[in-house]
Amino acid sequence: MTWVKICGMTNLEDALTAVEAGADAVGFVFYEKSPRNVSVEAAREIVEKLPEGVEKVGVFVNELPARVSAIADEAGLTAVQFHGDEHQNPEMYALDRRTFLCIPANRVEVTWRKRGKAIGSFMALPKNLGAIMLDSGTPGQRGGTGKSFDWREAKAWVAAMNQLLPIAIAGGLNIQNVGKAIAILKPWGVDVASGVEARPGKKDPEKVRAFVKAVREADRKTG
């Protein structure tokens, strides 16, 4: 089944809704410029009330490694997601937690086409890699853009990358298009934030449930 992460949690109600809907992971954004930014204390209070089997992912943007580790410990996170330029210095971020690297799809595509399958030659990977997340973010807006990249144009090279390591899709996903994204790219996972919100930082329960349901329906169709 496709791994599902509902990101941008700011309150317990939304996190429990995601868990009850069947999400595999929930995300907490520790980036002050994000409208979904959450304090360490608030995240910890939420995490303490979530089932053990649900992955709790902290999202960071160019944060110091020591600070990432401290926040992960204090909040009780099971995984971290780097949304900045951390993939350029993976040795600095060798944490003892599952690690996700979120990188703009257009940046990965250009390099992939130049160097082909020698992924290690252009993307150093952390030892505890969970997946590479392909997003539509930009240096000015790292995520939550509500925009998707061109899935059909990316189909061939994403399929090739999928043979080497887990690939997750983020950026612009919603109830209406997540099934299409899965059908085209067949990713290991999907990550959604703005696509299931009532407003930035507050989830719409019905959209959350419908999103997970749409993913599971796509899973059944793709076999």
C-alpha atoms as a PDB file:
ATOM      1  CA  MET A   1       0.000   0.000   0.000  1.00  0.00           C
ATOM      2  CA  THR A   2       1.046   3.570  -0.636  1.00  0.00           C
ATOM      3  CA  TRP A   3       2.488   5.259   2.446  1.00  0.00           C
ATOM      4  CA  VAL A   4       0.390   8.299   3.397  1.00  0.00           C
ATOM      5  CA  LYS A   5       1.609  11.296   5.386  1.00  0.00           C
ATOM      6  CA  ILE A   6      -0.661  14.143   6.451  1.00  0.00           C
ATOM      7  CA  CYS A   7       1.594  17.099   7.174  1.00  0.00           C
ATOM      8  CA  GLY A   8       1.303  20.429   8.952  1.00  0.00           C
ATOM      9  CA  MET A   9      -0.262  19.287  12.237  1.00  0.00           C
ATOM     10  CA  THR A  10      -0.880  22.066  14.754  1.00  0.00           C
ATOM     11  CA  ASN A  11      -3.451  20.486  17.057  1.00  0.00           C
ATOM     12  CA  LEU A  12      -4.427  17.121  18.507  1.00  0.00           C
ATOM     13  CA  GLU A  13      -7.848  16.990  16.845  1.00  0.00           C
ATOM     14  CA  ASP A  14      -6.340  17.102  13.352  1.00  0.00           C
ATOM     15  CA  ALA A  15      -3.664  14.556  14.192  1.00  0.00           C
ATOM     16  CA  LEU A  16      -6.206  12.093  15.586  1.00  0.00           C
ATOM     17  CA  THR A  17      -8.416  12.594  12.544  1.00  0.00           C
ATOM     18  CA  ALA A  18      -5.493  11.676  10.286  1.00  0.00           C
ATOM     19  CA  VAL A  19      -4.703   8.577  12.345  1.00  0.00           C
ATOM     20  CA  GLU A  20      -8.322   7.455  12.423  1.00  0.00           C
ATOM     21  CA  ALA A  21      -8.555   7.961   8.661  1.00  0.00           C
ATOM     22  CA  GLY A  22      -5.686   5.524   8.179  1.00  0.00           C
ATOM     23  CA  ALA A  23      -2.658   7.770   7.610  1.00  0.00           C
ATOM     24  CA  ASP A  24       0.706   6.115   8.170  1.00  0.00           C
ATOM     25  CA  ALA A  25       2.411   9.302   9.341  1.00  0.00           C
ATOM     26  CA  VAL A  26       1.717  12.813  10.552  1.00  0.00           C
ATOM     27  CA  GLY A  27       4.059  15.749  10.099  1.00  0.00           C
ATOM     28  CA  PHE A  28       5.009  18.690  12.296  1.00  0.00           C
ATOM     29  CA  VAL A  29       6.590  21.750  10.711  1.00  0.00           C
ATOM     30  CA  PHE A  30       9.362  23.433  12.695  1.00  0.00           C
ATOM     31  CA  TYR A  31       9.946  26.334  10.333  1.00  0.00           C
ATOM     32  CA  GLU A  32       9.027  29.809  11.523  1.00  0.00           C
ATOM     33  CA  LYS A  33       8.126  31.119   8.077  1.00  0.00           C
ATOM     34  CA  SER A  34       5.473  28.453   7.570  1.00  0.00           C
ATOM     35  CA  PRO A  35       1.819  29.128   8.453  1.00  0.00           C
ATOM     36  CA  ARG A  36       1.853  25.565   9.766  1.00  0.00           C
ATOM     37  CA  ASN A  37       4.733  26.169  12.169  1.00  0.00           C
ATOM     38  CA  VAL A  38       4.256  24.471  15.528  1.00  0.00           C
ATOM     39  CA  SER A  39       6.117  24.825  18.815  1.00  0.00           C
ATOM     40  CA  VAL A  40       8.121  21.945  20.244  1.00  0.00           C
ATOM     41  CA  GLU A  41       5.895  21.920  23.314  1.00  0.00           C
ATOM     42  CA  ALA A  42       2.691  21.708  21.281  1.00  0.00           C
ATOM     43  CA  ALA A  43       4.119  18.949  19.106  1.00  0.00           C
ATOM     44  CA  ARG A  44       5.181  16.943  22.140  1.00  0.00           C
ATOM     45  CA  GLU A  45       1.709  17.176  23.684  1.00  0.00           C
ATOM     46  CA  ILE A  46       0.192  15.882  20.449  1.00  0.00           C
ATOM     47  CA  VAL A  47       2.752  13.119  19.926  1.00  0.00           C
ATOM     48  CA  GLU A  48       2.222  11.788  23.440  1.00  0.00           C
ATOM     49  CA  LYS A  49      -1.420  11.076  22.597  1.00  0.00           C
ATOM     50  CA  LEU A  50      -0.847   9.326  19.267  1.00  0.00           C
ATOM     51  CA  PRO A  51      -0.603   5.554  18.715  1.00  0.00           C
ATOM     52  CA  GLU A  52       2.902   4.113  18.769  1.00  0.00           C
ATOM     53  CA  GLY A  53       2.618   2.674  15.259  1.00  0.00           C
ATOM     54  CA  VAL A  54       2.038   6.047  13.598  1.00  0.00           C
ATOM     55  CA  GLU A  55       5.155   7.762  12.308  1.00  0.00           C
ATOM     56  CA  LYS A  56       5.726  11.241  13.769  1.00  0.00           C
ATOM     57  CA  VAL A  57       7.794  13.296  11.357  1.00  0.00           C
ATOM     58  CA  GLY A  58       9.426  16.634  12.100  1.00  0.00           C
ATOM     59  CA  VAL A  59       9.922  18.918   9.094  1.00  0.00           C
ATOM     60  CA  PHE A  60      12.978  21.196   9.112  1.00  0.00           C
ATOM     61  CA  VAL A  61      14.441  23.772   6.734  1.00  0.00           C
ATOM     62  CA  ASN A  62      18.199  24.390   6.961  1.00  0.00           C
ATOM     63  CA  GLU A  63      18.197  23.970  10.733  1.00  0.00           C
ATOM     64  CA  LEU A  64      21.418  23.221  12.612  1.00  0.00           C
ATOM     65  CA  PRO A  65      21.918  19.455  13.110  1.00  0.00           C
ATOM     66  CA  ALA A  66      22.201  19.764  16.885  1.00  0.00           C
ATOM     67  CA  ARG A  67      18.941  21.696  16.983  1.00  0.00           C
ATOM     68  CA  VAL A  68      17.184  19.106  14.816  1.00  0.00           C
ATOM     69  CA  SER A  69      18.331  16.336  17.137  1.00  0.00           C
ATOM     70  CA  ALA A  70      17.263  18.247  20.249  1.00  0.00           C
ATOM     71  CA  ILE A  71      13.798  19.002  18.878  1.00  0.00           C
ATOM     72  CA  ALA A  72      13.334  15.415  17.721  1.00  0.00           C
ATOM     73  CA  ASP A  73      14.217  14.151  21.201  1.00  0.00           C
ATOM     74  CA  GLU A  74      12.067  16.678  23.035  1.00  0.00           C
ATOM     75  CA  ALA A  75       9.011  16.245  20.812  1.00  0.00           C
ATOM     76  CA  GLY A  76       9.288  12.449  20.639  1.00  0.00           C
ATOM     77  CA  LEU A  77       9.603  12.316  16.865  1.00  0.00           C
ATOM     78  CA  THR A  78      10.257   9.012  15.133  1.00  0.00           C
ATOM     79  CA  ALA A  79      11.525  10.565  11.888  1.00  0.00           C
ATOM     80  CA  VAL A  80      12.805  13.819  10.438  1.00  0.00           C
ATOM     81  CA  GLN A  81      12.205  15.414   7.056  1.00  0.00           C
ATOM     82  CA  PHE A  82      14.638  17.891   5.558  1.00  0.00           C
ATOM     83  CA  HIS A  83      13.005  20.455   3.307  1.00  0.00           C
ATOM     84  CA  GLY A  84      15.977  22.701   2.634  1.00  0.00           C
ATOM     85  CA  ASP A  85      19.453  22.149   1.268  1.00  0.00           C
ATOM     86  CA  GLU A  86      20.501  19.508   3.786  1.00  0.00           C
ATOM     87  CA  HIS A  87      20.930  16.852   1.091  1.00  0.00           C
ATOM     88  CA  GLN A  88      24.074  18.698   0.043  1.00  0.00           C
ATOM     89  CA  ASN A  89      25.713  17.928   3.404  1.00  0.00           C
ATOM     90  CA  PRO A  90      24.260  14.580   4.517  1.00  0.00           C
ATOM     91  CA  GLU A  91      27.185  13.783   6.807  1.00  0.00           C
ATOM     92  CA  MET A  92      26.061  16.701   9.003  1.00  0.00           C
ATOM     93  CA  TYR A  93      22.607  15.186   9.373  1.00  0.00           C
ATOM     94  CA  ALA A  94      23.418  11.577  10.229  1.00  0.00           C
ATOM     95  CA  LEU A  95      20.682  11.157  12.835  1.00  0.00           C
ATOM     96  CA  ASP A  96      19.555   7.909  14.418  1.00  0.00           C
ATOM     97  CA  ARG A  97      16.050   8.359  13.020  1.00  0.00           C
ATOM     98  CA  ARG A  98      14.374   7.632   9.734  1.00  0.00           C
ATOM     99  CA  THR A  99      15.177  10.504   7.402  1.00  0.00           C
ATOM    100  CA  PHE A 100      13.232  11.911   4.466  1.00  0.00           C
ATOM    101  CA  LEU A 101      14.783  14.289   1.934  1.00  0.00           C
ATOM    102  CA  CYS A 102      12.357  16.639   0.208  1.00  0.00           C
ATOM    103  CA  ILE A 103      13.773  18.089  -3.005  1.00  0.00           C
ATOM    104  CA  PRO A 104      12.142  20.093  -5.836  1.00  0.00           C
ATOM    105  CA  ALA A 105      11.339  17.684  -8.652  1.00  0.00           C
ATOM    106  CA  ASN A 106      12.779  19.945 -11.345  1.00  0.00           C
ATOM    107  CA  ARG A 107      16.151  20.009  -9.588  1.00  0.00           C
ATOM    108  CA  VAL A 108      16.275  16.223  -9.333  1.00  0.00           C
ATOM    109  CA  GLU A 109      15.133  15.760 -12.934  1.00  0.00           C
ATOM    110  CA  VAL A 110      17.832  17.972 -14.435  1.00  0.00           C
ATOM    111  CA  THR A 111      20.585  16.178 -12.566  1.00  0.00           C
ATOM    112  CA  TRP A 112      19.116  12.742 -13.219  1.00  0.00           C
ATOM    113  CA  ARG A 113      19.006  13.320 -16.950  1.00  0.00           C
ATOM    114  CA  LYS A 114      22.645  14.418 -16.923  1.00  0.00           C
ATOM    115  CA  ARG A 115      23.999  11.549 -14.872  1.00  0.00           C
ATOM    116  CA  GLY A 116      21.500   8.751 -15.241  1.00  0.00           C
ATOM    117  CA  LYS A 117      21.313   5.964 -12.714  1.00  0.00           C
ATOM    118  CA  ALA A 118      24.509   6.840 -10.855  1.00  0.00           C
ATOM    119  CA  ILE A 119      22.416   8.411  -8.137  1.00  0.00           C
ATOM    120  CA  GLY A 120      25.246   8.380  -5.644  1.00  0.00           C
ATOM    121  CA  SER A 121      27.233  10.666  -7.907  1.00  0.00           C
ATOM    122  CA  PHE A 122      24.860  13.570  -7.470  1.00  0.00           C
ATOM    123  CA  MET A 123      22.823  12.912  -4.341  1.00  0.00           C
ATOM    124  CA  ALA A 124      24.528  11.786  -1.170  1.00  0.00           C
ATOM    125  CA  LEU A 125      22.006   9.885   0.922  1.00  0.00           C
ATOM    126  CA  PRO A 126      21.638   9.604   4.708  1.00  0.00           C
ATOM    127  CA  LYS A 127      22.157   6.196   6.274  1.00  0.00           C
ATOM    128  CA  ASN A 128      18.580   5.959   7.562  1.00  0.00           C
ATOM    129  CA  LEU A 129      16.833   7.123   4.401  1.00  0.00           C
ATOM    130  CA  GLY A 130      13.078   6.625   4.436  1.00  0.00           C
ATOM    131  CA  ALA A 131      12.417   8.113   1.006  1.00  0.00           C
ATOM    132  CA  ILE A 132      13.182  10.905  -1.394  1.00  0.00           C
ATOM    133  CA  MET A 133      10.227  13.291  -1.551  1.00  0.00           C
ATOM    134  CA  LEU A 134       9.725  15.053  -4.859  1.00  0.00           C
ATOM    135  CA  ASP A 135       7.991  18.376  -4.361  1.00  0.00           C
ATOM    136  CA  SER A 136       7.092  21.457  -6.353  1.00  0.00           C
ATOM    137  CA  GLY A 137       8.593  23.825  -3.799  1.00  0.00           C
ATOM    138  CA  THR A 138      10.985  26.665  -4.572  1.00  0.00           C
ATOM    139  CA  PRO A 139      13.781  28.313  -2.563  1.00  0.00           C
ATOM    140  CA  GLY A 140      11.315  31.070  -1.692  1.00  0.00           C
ATOM    141  CA  GLN A 141       8.494  28.738  -0.668  1.00  0.00           C
ATOM    142  CA  ARG A 142       9.762  25.373   0.486  1.00  0.00           C
ATOM    143  CA  GLY A 143       6.396  23.622   0.575  1.00  0.00           C
ATOM    144  CA  GLY A 144       2.649  23.957   0.975  1.00  0.00           C
ATOM    145  CA  THR A 145       2.412  25.662  -2.412  1.00  0.00           C
ATOM    146  CA  GLY A 146      -0.703  23.787  -3.476  1.00  0.00           C
ATOM    147  CA  LYS A 147       0.934  23.273  -6.856  1.00  0.00           C
ATOM    148  CA  SER A 148       2.063  20.020  -8.452  1.00  0.00           C
ATOM    149  CA  PHE A 149       4.895  19.290 -10.832  1.00  0.00           C
ATOM    150  CA  ASP A 150       4.293  17.703 -14.247  1.00  0.00           C
ATOM    151  CA  TRP A 151       3.695  14.056 -13.377  1.00  0.00           C
ATOM    152  CA  ARG A 152       3.450  12.785 -16.953  1.00  0.00           C
ATOM    153  CA  GLU A 153       6.686  14.456 -17.939  1.00  0.00           C
ATOM    154  CA  ALA A 154       8.333  12.993 -14.843  1.00  0.00           C
ATOM    155  CA  LYS A 155       6.937   9.473 -15.314  1.00  0.00           C
ATOM    156  CA  ALA A 156       9.978   7.880 -16.973  1.00  0.00           C
ATOM    157  CA  TRP A 157      12.691   9.204 -14.702  1.00  0.00           C
ATOM    158  CA  VAL A 158      10.620   8.724 -11.539  1.00  0.00           C
ATOM    159  CA  ALA A 159      10.050   5.098 -12.569  1.00  0.00           C
ATOM    160  CA  ALA A 160      13.803   4.672 -12.966  1.00  0.00           C
ATOM    161  CA  MET A 161      14.496   6.217  -9.565  1.00  0.00           C
ATOM    162  CA  ASN A 162      11.798   4.054  -8.009  1.00  0.00           C
ATOM    163  CA  GLN A 163      13.890   1.021  -8.908  1.00  0.00           C
ATOM    164  CA  LEU A 164      16.714   2.300  -6.711  1.00  0.00           C
ATOM    165  CA  LEU A 165      15.062   3.836  -3.670  1.00  0.00           C
ATOM    166  CA  PRO A 166      11.632   4.803  -2.282  1.00  0.00           C
ATOM    167  CA  ILE A 167      10.100   7.859  -3.923  1.00  0.00           C
ATOM    168  CA  ALA A 168       7.281   9.885  -2.372  1.00  0.00           C
ATOM    169  CA  ILE A 169       5.252  12.576  -4.103  1.00  0.00           C
ATOM    170  CA  ALA A 170       4.338  15.919  -2.543  1.00  0.00           C
ATOM    171  CA  GLY A 171       3.137  19.272  -3.776  1.00  0.00           C
ATOM    172  CA  GLY A 172      -0.365  20.063  -5.011  1.00  0.00           C
ATOM    173  CA  LEU A 173      -1.951  16.758  -4.035  1.00  0.00           C
ATOM    174  CA  ASN A 174      -5.630  16.728  -3.145  1.00  0.00           C
ATOM    175  CA  ILE A 175      -8.661  14.466  -3.140  1.00  0.00           C
ATOM    176  CA  GLN A 176      -9.320  14.955  -6.853  1.00  0.00           C
ATOM    177  CA  ASN A 177      -5.826  14.283  -8.200  1.00  0.00           C
ATOM    178  CA  VAL A 178      -4.007  11.924  -5.835  1.00  0.00           C
ATOM    179  CA  GLY A 179      -5.406   8.881  -7.630  1.00  0.00           C
ATOM    180  CA  LYS A 180      -4.079  10.209 -10.921  1.00  0.00           C
ATOM    181  CA  ALA A 181      -0.661  10.857  -9.382  1.00  0.00           C
ATOM    182  CA  ILE A 182      -0.475   7.298  -8.084  1.00  0.00           C
ATOM    183  CA  ALA A 183      -1.640   5.827 -11.387  1.00  0.00           C
ATOM    184  CA  ILE A 184       1.009   7.750 -13.332  1.00  0.00           C
ATOM    185  CA  LEU A 185       4.017   7.629 -11.002  1.00  0.00           C
ATOM    186  CA  LYS A 186       3.307   4.607  -8.768  1.00  0.00           C
ATOM    187  CA  PRO A 187       5.206   6.186  -5.878  1.00  0.00           C
ATOM    188  CA  TRP A 188       6.155   4.526  -2.622  1.00  0.00           C
ATOM    189  CA  GLY A 189       4.359   7.293  -0.748  1.00  0.00           C
ATOM    190  CA  VAL A 190       2.376  10.530  -0.888  1.00  0.00           C
ATOM    191  CA  ASP A 191       2.547  13.607   1.345  1.00  0.00           C
ATOM    192  CA  VAL A 192      -0.219  16.213   1.631  1.00  0.00           C
ATOM    193  CA  ALA A 193      -0.701  19.430   3.590  1.00  0.00           C
ATOM    194  CA  SER A 194      -2.640  22.262   1.941  1.00  0.00           C
ATOM    195  CA  GLY A 195      -4.773  19.843  -0.078  1.00  0.00           C
ATOM    196  CA  VAL A 196      -6.660  18.695   3.023  1.00  0.00           C
ATOM    197  CA  GLU A 197      -6.925  21.991   4.875  1.00  0.00           C
ATOM    198  CA  ALA A 198      -9.835  24.239   5.774  1.00  0.00           C
ATOM    199  CA  ARG A 199      -7.232  27.002   6.091  1.00  0.00           C
ATOM    200  CA  PRO A 200      -3.439  27.031   6.579  1.00  0.00           C
ATOM    201  CA  GLY A 201      -2.669  25.121   9.769  1.00  0.00           C
ATOM    202  CA  LYS A 202      -6.181  23.704  10.224  1.00  0.00           C
ATOM    203  CA  LYS A 203      -7.295  20.480   8.591  1.00  0.00           C
ATOM    204  CA  ASP A 204     -10.716  19.736   7.135  1.00  0.00           C
ATOM    205  CA  PRO A 205     -11.701  16.350   8.632  1.00  0.00           C
ATOM    206  CA  GLU A 206     -13.779  15.331   5.626  1.00  0.00           C
ATOM    207  CA  LYS A 207     -10.948  16.158   3.225  1.00  0.00           C
ATOM    208  CA  VAL A 208      -8.479  14.160   5.319  1.00  0.00           C
ATOM    209  CA  ARG A 209     -10.718  11.096   5.307  1.00  0.00           C
ATOM    210  CA  ALA A 210     -11.502  11.463   1.616  1.00  0.00           C
ATOM    211  CA  PHE A 211      -7.828  11.832   0.744  1.00  0.00           C
ATOM    212  CA  VAL A 212      -6.791   8.602   2.478  1.00  0.00           C
ATOM    213  CA  LYS A 213      -9.778   6.834   0.936  1.00  0.00           C
ATOM    214  CA  ALA A 214      -8.758   8.071  -2.525  1.00  0.00           C
ATOM    215  CA  VAL A 215      -5.235   6.728  -2.006  1.00  0.00           C
ATOM    216  CA  ARG A 216      -6.536   3.305  -0.985  1.00  0.00           C
ATOM    217  CA  GLU A 217      -8.889   3.205  -3.969  1.00  0.00           C
ATOM    218  CA  ALA A 218      -5.943   4.038  -6.243  1.00  0.00           C
ATOM    219  CA  ASP A 219      -3.951   1.251  -4.598  1.00  0.00           C
ATOM    220  CA  ARG A 220      -6.662  -1.240  -5.444  1.00  0.00           C
ATOM    221  CA  LYS A 221      -6.798  -0.078  -9.051  1.00  0.00           C
ATOM    222  CA  THR A 222      -3.044  -0.214  -9.588  1.00  0.00           C
ATOM    223  CA  GLY A 223      -2.761  -3.594  -7.893  1.00  0.00           C
END
